[in-house]
Amino acid sequence: MKEIEITKAAQKELDKDGKIWWVAYKRTGFAQQDIFGIFDIVYLQHGTNTAPPTGTTVGFIQCTTKHHLSDRRKKIRDFFIEKGIPVPPRCFVWAYDSARGSFIKELIQ
């Protein structure tokens, strides 16, 4: 599956979960430009109904194939180490597993 198809599948899943997403559609050459150079999707989500209730949360997703999961994990961690800031909460790699027909969702910490 191509990267654009994986990103569209992720967008559909985010829609089902009631999340509001944004993708940088600007293309440079043959590749889509990533957000901060590492993420494909930024999303907003209404907080939980726990006590006390939380407000809107922001999440970041890097989409890839199962084969490239470890590469993307390293890319994200290296980015934050280089910038000298901790990895934010809700920072994910969604790796599409074509054999299962679904995403492996890994939280990066």
N, C-alpha and C. Protein backbone atom coordinates (compact mmCIF):
# COMPACT_ATOMS: atom_id res chain seq x y z
N MET A 1 0.85 -1.18 0.00
CA MET A 1 0.00 0.00 0.00
C MET A 1 0.89 1.24 0.00
N LYS A 2 0.54 2.23 -0.80
CA LYS A 2 1.31 3.47 -0.90
C LYS A 2 1.05 4.37 0.31
N GLU A 3 2.02 5.27 0.55
CA GLU A 3 1.93 6.16 1.71
C GLU A 3 0.63 6.97 1.71
N ILE A 4 0.24 7.49 0.57
CA ILE A 4 -0.98 8.31 0.50
C ILE A 4 -2.21 7.47 0.85
N GLU A 5 -2.22 6.20 0.45
CA GLU A 5 -3.34 5.32 0.78
C GLU A 5 -3.37 5.00 2.27
N ILE A 6 -2.19 4.82 2.87
CA ILE A 6 -2.11 4.56 4.30
C ILE A 6 -2.60 5.77 5.09
N THR A 7 -2.19 6.96 4.65
CA THR A 7 -2.63 8.20 5.33
C THR A 7 -4.14 8.36 5.22
N LYS A 8 -4.71 8.06 4.06
CA LYS A 8 -6.17 8.17 3.90
C LYS A 8 -6.91 7.16 4.78
N ALA A 9 -6.35 5.94 4.91
CA ALA A 9 -6.95 4.95 5.79
C ALA A 9 -6.92 5.43 7.25
N ALA A 10 -5.83 6.07 7.64
CA ALA A 10 -5.71 6.63 8.99
C ALA A 10 -6.74 7.75 9.19
N GLN A 11 -6.93 8.58 8.18
CA GLN A 11 -7.91 9.66 8.28
C GLN A 11 -9.31 9.10 8.50
N LYS A 12 -9.66 8.04 7.79
CA LYS A 12 -10.98 7.42 7.95
C LYS A 12 -11.16 6.88 9.36
N GLU A 13 -10.10 6.28 9.91
CA GLU A 13 -10.17 5.74 11.27
C GLU A 13 -10.31 6.87 12.29
N LEU A 14 -9.61 7.97 12.07
CA LEU A 14 -9.74 9.12 12.96
C LEU A 14 -11.15 9.70 12.89
N ASP A 15 -11.72 9.75 11.68
CA ASP A 15 -13.11 10.21 11.52
C ASP A 15 -14.07 9.36 12.35
N LYS A 16 -13.89 8.03 12.29
CA LYS A 16 -14.75 7.12 13.05
C LYS A 16 -14.64 7.36 14.54
N ASP A 17 -13.45 7.75 15.00
CA ASP A 17 -13.22 8.01 16.42
C ASP A 17 -13.63 9.42 16.84
N GLY A 18 -14.16 10.22 15.90
CA GLY A 18 -14.62 11.57 16.23
C GLY A 18 -13.50 12.58 16.41
N LYS A 19 -12.34 12.29 15.85
CA LYS A 19 -11.20 13.20 15.97
C LYS A 19 -11.17 14.13 14.76
N ILE A 20 -10.69 15.34 14.97
CA ILE A 20 -10.52 16.33 13.90
C ILE A 20 -9.05 16.28 13.50
N TRP A 21 -8.77 16.04 12.23
CA TRP A 21 -7.39 15.87 11.80
C TRP A 21 -6.99 16.90 10.75
N TRP A 22 -5.68 17.07 10.61
CA TRP A 22 -5.11 17.94 9.59
C TRP A 22 -3.88 17.26 9.01
N VAL A 23 -3.78 17.32 7.69
CA VAL A 23 -2.64 16.76 6.97
C VAL A 23 -2.05 17.89 6.13
N ALA A 24 -0.72 17.99 6.12
CA ALA A 24 -0.06 18.99 5.28
C ALA A 24 -0.09 18.47 3.84
N TYR A 25 -0.90 19.09 3.00
CA TYR A 25 -1.07 18.61 1.63
C TYR A 25 -0.04 19.17 0.67
N LYS A 26 0.76 20.11 1.12
CA LYS A 26 1.79 20.68 0.25
C LYS A 26 2.78 19.59 -0.14
N ARG A 27 3.01 19.45 -1.39
CA ARG A 27 3.94 18.42 -1.87
C ARG A 27 5.21 19.08 -2.36
N THR A 28 6.32 18.42 -2.10
CA THR A 28 7.62 18.87 -2.61
C THR A 28 8.19 17.73 -3.44
N GLY A 29 8.32 17.94 -4.71
CA GLY A 29 8.79 16.88 -5.58
C GLY A 29 7.78 15.75 -5.61
N PHE A 30 8.24 14.55 -5.31
CA PHE A 30 7.36 13.39 -5.33
C PHE A 30 6.80 13.04 -3.96
N ALA A 31 7.25 13.72 -2.91
CA ALA A 31 6.85 13.36 -1.55
C ALA A 31 5.99 14.45 -0.92
N GLN A 32 5.11 14.01 -0.03
CA GLN A 32 4.31 14.94 0.75
C GLN A 32 5.20 15.50 1.85
N GLN A 33 5.05 16.77 2.14
CA GLN A 33 5.86 17.40 3.19
C GLN A 33 5.28 17.05 4.56
N ASP A 34 6.11 16.49 5.43
CA ASP A 34 5.67 16.10 6.77
C ASP A 34 5.60 17.32 7.69
N ILE A 35 4.72 17.23 8.69
CA ILE A 35 4.57 18.27 9.69
C ILE A 35 5.76 18.17 10.65
N PHE A 36 6.48 19.25 10.83
CA PHE A 36 7.73 19.30 11.60
C PHE A 36 8.78 18.36 11.01
N GLY A 37 8.58 17.92 9.79
CA GLY A 37 9.52 17.02 9.15
C GLY A 37 9.40 15.58 9.59
N ILE A 38 8.43 15.25 10.46
CA ILE A 38 8.30 13.87 10.95
C ILE A 38 6.89 13.32 11.00
N PHE A 39 5.86 14.15 11.08
CA PHE A 39 4.50 13.65 11.23
C PHE A 39 3.67 13.85 9.97
N ASP A 40 2.74 12.92 9.76
CA ASP A 40 1.82 13.00 8.62
C ASP A 40 0.50 13.66 9.02
N ILE A 41 0.08 13.43 10.26
CA ILE A 41 -1.23 13.89 10.71
C ILE A 41 -1.11 14.52 12.10
N VAL A 42 -1.80 15.64 12.29
CA VAL A 42 -2.01 16.22 13.60
C VAL A 42 -3.51 16.14 13.84
N TYR A 43 -3.91 15.73 15.05
CA TYR A 43 -5.35 15.63 15.32
C TYR A 43 -5.72 16.28 16.64
N LEU A 44 -6.98 16.66 16.72
CA LEU A 44 -7.58 17.20 17.94
C LEU A 44 -8.65 16.23 18.40
N GLN A 45 -8.77 16.11 19.71
CA GLN A 45 -9.75 15.20 20.28
C GLN A 45 -10.32 15.82 21.53
N HIS A 46 -11.61 15.67 21.71
CA HIS A 46 -12.24 16.14 22.94
C HIS A 46 -11.71 15.29 24.07
N GLY A 47 -11.49 15.92 25.20
CA GLY A 47 -10.95 15.21 26.36
C GLY A 47 -11.88 14.13 26.88
N THR A 48 -11.43 13.44 27.88
CA THR A 48 -12.19 12.33 28.45
C THR A 48 -13.21 12.84 29.46
N ASN A 49 -14.10 11.96 29.85
CA ASN A 49 -15.11 12.30 30.85
C ASN A 49 -14.69 11.82 32.23
N THR A 50 -13.40 11.72 32.45
CA THR A 50 -12.91 11.32 33.76
C THR A 50 -13.08 12.47 34.74
N ALA A 51 -12.90 12.18 36.01
CA ALA A 51 -12.99 13.24 37.01
C ALA A 51 -11.58 13.66 37.40
N PRO A 52 -11.18 14.89 37.25
CA PRO A 52 -11.93 15.95 36.56
C PRO A 52 -11.85 15.77 35.04
N PRO A 53 -12.84 16.27 34.31
CA PRO A 53 -12.81 16.14 32.86
C PRO A 53 -11.64 16.92 32.25
N THR A 54 -11.09 16.40 31.19
CA THR A 54 -9.99 17.09 30.53
C THR A 54 -10.51 17.80 29.29
N GLY A 55 -9.76 18.78 28.82
CA GLY A 55 -10.16 19.55 27.65
C GLY A 55 -9.73 18.89 26.36
N THR A 56 -9.55 19.70 25.36
CA THR A 56 -9.13 19.21 24.06
C THR A 56 -7.67 18.77 24.11
N THR A 57 -7.39 17.65 23.47
CA THR A 57 -6.02 17.15 23.41
C THR A 57 -5.55 17.14 21.96
N VAL A 58 -4.23 17.19 21.81
CA VAL A 58 -3.60 17.18 20.49
C VAL A 58 -2.76 15.92 20.38
N GLY A 59 -2.78 15.29 19.21
CA GLY A 59 -1.96 14.11 18.97
C GLY A 59 -1.24 14.23 17.64
N PHE A 60 -0.18 13.45 17.50
CA PHE A 60 0.64 13.45 16.29
C PHE A 60 0.80 12.02 15.80
N ILE A 61 0.67 11.82 14.49
CA ILE A 61 0.77 10.48 13.92
C ILE A 61 1.73 10.47 12.74
N GLN A 62 2.63 9.51 12.75
CA GLN A 62 3.48 9.21 11.59
C GLN A 62 2.92 7.92 11.01
N CYS A 63 2.49 7.94 9.75
CA CYS A 63 1.95 6.76 9.08
C CYS A 63 3.05 6.06 8.29
N THR A 64 3.03 4.74 8.32
CA THR A 64 4.02 3.97 7.59
C THR A 64 3.50 2.54 7.41
N THR A 65 4.35 1.69 6.88
CA THR A 65 4.03 0.27 6.79
C THR A 65 4.64 -0.45 7.98
N LYS A 66 4.16 -1.65 8.24
CA LYS A 66 4.70 -2.46 9.34
C LYS A 66 6.21 -2.64 9.19
N HIS A 67 6.66 -2.79 7.96
CA HIS A 67 8.08 -3.01 7.67
C HIS A 67 8.96 -1.84 8.15
N HIS A 68 8.44 -0.62 8.13
CA HIS A 68 9.22 0.57 8.48
C HIS A 68 8.95 1.11 9.89
N LEU A 69 8.25 0.37 10.69
CA LEU A 69 7.87 0.83 12.04
C LEU A 69 9.09 1.23 12.87
N SER A 70 10.10 0.39 12.94
CA SER A 70 11.26 0.71 13.78
C SER A 70 12.03 1.91 13.25
N ASP A 71 12.09 2.08 11.92
CA ASP A 71 12.76 3.25 11.33
C ASP A 71 12.06 4.54 11.74
N ARG A 72 10.74 4.54 11.70
CA ARG A 72 9.98 5.74 12.03
C ARG A 72 10.05 6.04 13.52
N ARG A 73 10.04 4.99 14.35
CA ARG A 73 10.19 5.18 15.78
C ARG A 73 11.52 5.89 16.08
N LYS A 74 12.58 5.42 15.47
CA LYS A 74 13.91 6.00 15.65
C LYS A 74 13.95 7.44 15.14
N LYS A 75 13.33 7.68 13.99
CA LYS A 75 13.31 9.02 13.40
C LYS A 75 12.65 10.02 14.36
N ILE A 76 11.55 9.63 14.96
CA ILE A 76 10.84 10.52 15.88
C ILE A 76 11.66 10.76 17.15
N ARG A 77 12.16 9.71 17.74
CA ARG A 77 12.96 9.87 18.96
C ARG A 77 14.20 10.72 18.70
N ASP A 78 14.89 10.45 17.60
CA ASP A 78 16.09 11.22 17.25
C ASP A 78 15.77 12.70 17.06
N PHE A 79 14.62 13.00 16.45
CA PHE A 79 14.20 14.38 16.24
C PHE A 79 14.11 15.12 17.57
N PHE A 80 13.41 14.52 18.54
CA PHE A 80 13.21 15.19 19.82
C PHE A 80 14.50 15.26 20.64
N ILE A 81 15.34 14.24 20.54
CA ILE A 81 16.64 14.29 21.22
C ILE A 81 17.47 15.42 20.65
N GLU A 82 17.50 15.54 19.32
CA GLU A 82 18.27 16.61 18.66
C GLU A 82 17.78 17.99 19.08
N LYS A 83 16.47 18.14 19.22
CA LYS A 83 15.89 19.44 19.60
C LYS A 83 15.99 19.70 21.10
N GLY A 84 16.33 18.66 21.88
CA GLY A 84 16.48 18.83 23.32
C GLY A 84 15.18 18.97 24.07
N ILE A 85 14.10 18.39 23.53
CA ILE A 85 12.81 18.44 24.21
C ILE A 85 12.24 17.03 24.32
N PRO A 86 11.42 16.79 25.33
CA PRO A 86 10.84 15.45 25.49
C PRO A 86 9.79 15.17 24.41
N VAL A 87 9.61 13.91 24.13
CA VAL A 87 8.56 13.50 23.19
C VAL A 87 7.21 13.87 23.80
N PRO A 88 6.35 14.56 23.06
CA PRO A 88 5.05 14.94 23.64
C PRO A 88 4.14 13.73 23.84
N PRO A 89 3.16 13.85 24.74
CA PRO A 89 2.19 12.77 24.88
C PRO A 89 1.38 12.63 23.59
N ARG A 90 0.83 11.47 23.37
CA ARG A 90 0.00 11.19 22.19
C ARG A 90 0.78 11.38 20.89
N CYS A 91 1.96 10.85 20.86
CA CYS A 91 2.84 10.86 19.68
C CYS A 91 2.93 9.41 19.21
N PHE A 92 2.38 9.12 18.03
CA PHE A 92 2.23 7.74 17.58
C PHE A 92 2.89 7.46 16.24
N VAL A 93 3.23 6.19 16.04
CA VAL A 93 3.49 5.66 14.71
C VAL A 93 2.36 4.68 14.44
N TRP A 94 1.64 4.90 13.35
CA TRP A 94 0.62 3.96 12.91
C TRP A 94 1.20 3.21 11.73
N ALA A 95 1.48 1.94 11.93
CA ALA A 95 2.09 1.10 10.90
C ALA A 95 1.03 0.17 10.32
N TYR A 96 0.79 0.30 9.02
CA TYR A 96 -0.24 -0.52 8.38
C TYR A 96 0.29 -1.92 8.13
N ASP A 97 -0.44 -2.90 8.63
CA ASP A 97 -0.11 -4.31 8.43
C ASP A 97 -1.06 -4.85 7.37
N SER A 98 -0.56 -5.02 6.17
CA SER A 98 -1.42 -5.44 5.06
C SER A 98 -1.95 -6.86 5.25
N ALA A 99 -1.24 -7.71 5.97
CA ALA A 99 -1.72 -9.08 6.22
C ALA A 99 -2.96 -9.06 7.10
N ARG A 100 -2.99 -8.18 8.10
CA ARG A 100 -4.15 -8.05 8.99
C ARG A 100 -5.19 -7.08 8.46
N GLY A 101 -4.76 -6.16 7.60
CA GLY A 101 -5.67 -5.14 7.08
C GLY A 101 -6.01 -4.08 8.11
N SER A 102 -5.06 -3.83 9.03
CA SER A 102 -5.30 -2.83 10.08
C SER A 102 -3.96 -2.22 10.52
N PHE A 103 -4.06 -1.23 11.40
CA PHE A 103 -2.89 -0.52 11.88
C PHE A 103 -2.36 -1.14 13.18
N ILE A 104 -1.05 -1.12 13.31
CA ILE A 104 -0.37 -1.33 14.58
C ILE A 104 -0.11 0.07 15.09
N LYS A 105 -0.66 0.44 16.24
CA LYS A 105 -0.54 1.80 16.76
C LYS A 105 0.43 1.79 17.93
N GLU A 106 1.56 2.43 17.74
CA GLU A 106 2.59 2.44 18.77
C GLU A 106 2.78 3.85 19.32
N LEU A 107 2.61 3.98 20.62
CA LEU A 107 2.86 5.24 21.31
C LEU A 107 4.36 5.40 21.48
N ILE A 108 4.89 6.55 21.08
CA ILE A 108 6.32 6.83 21.21
C ILE A 108 6.55 7.58 22.51
N GLN A 109 7.48 7.08 23.32
CA GLN A 109 7.77 7.72 24.61
C GLN A 109 9.23 7.99 24.74
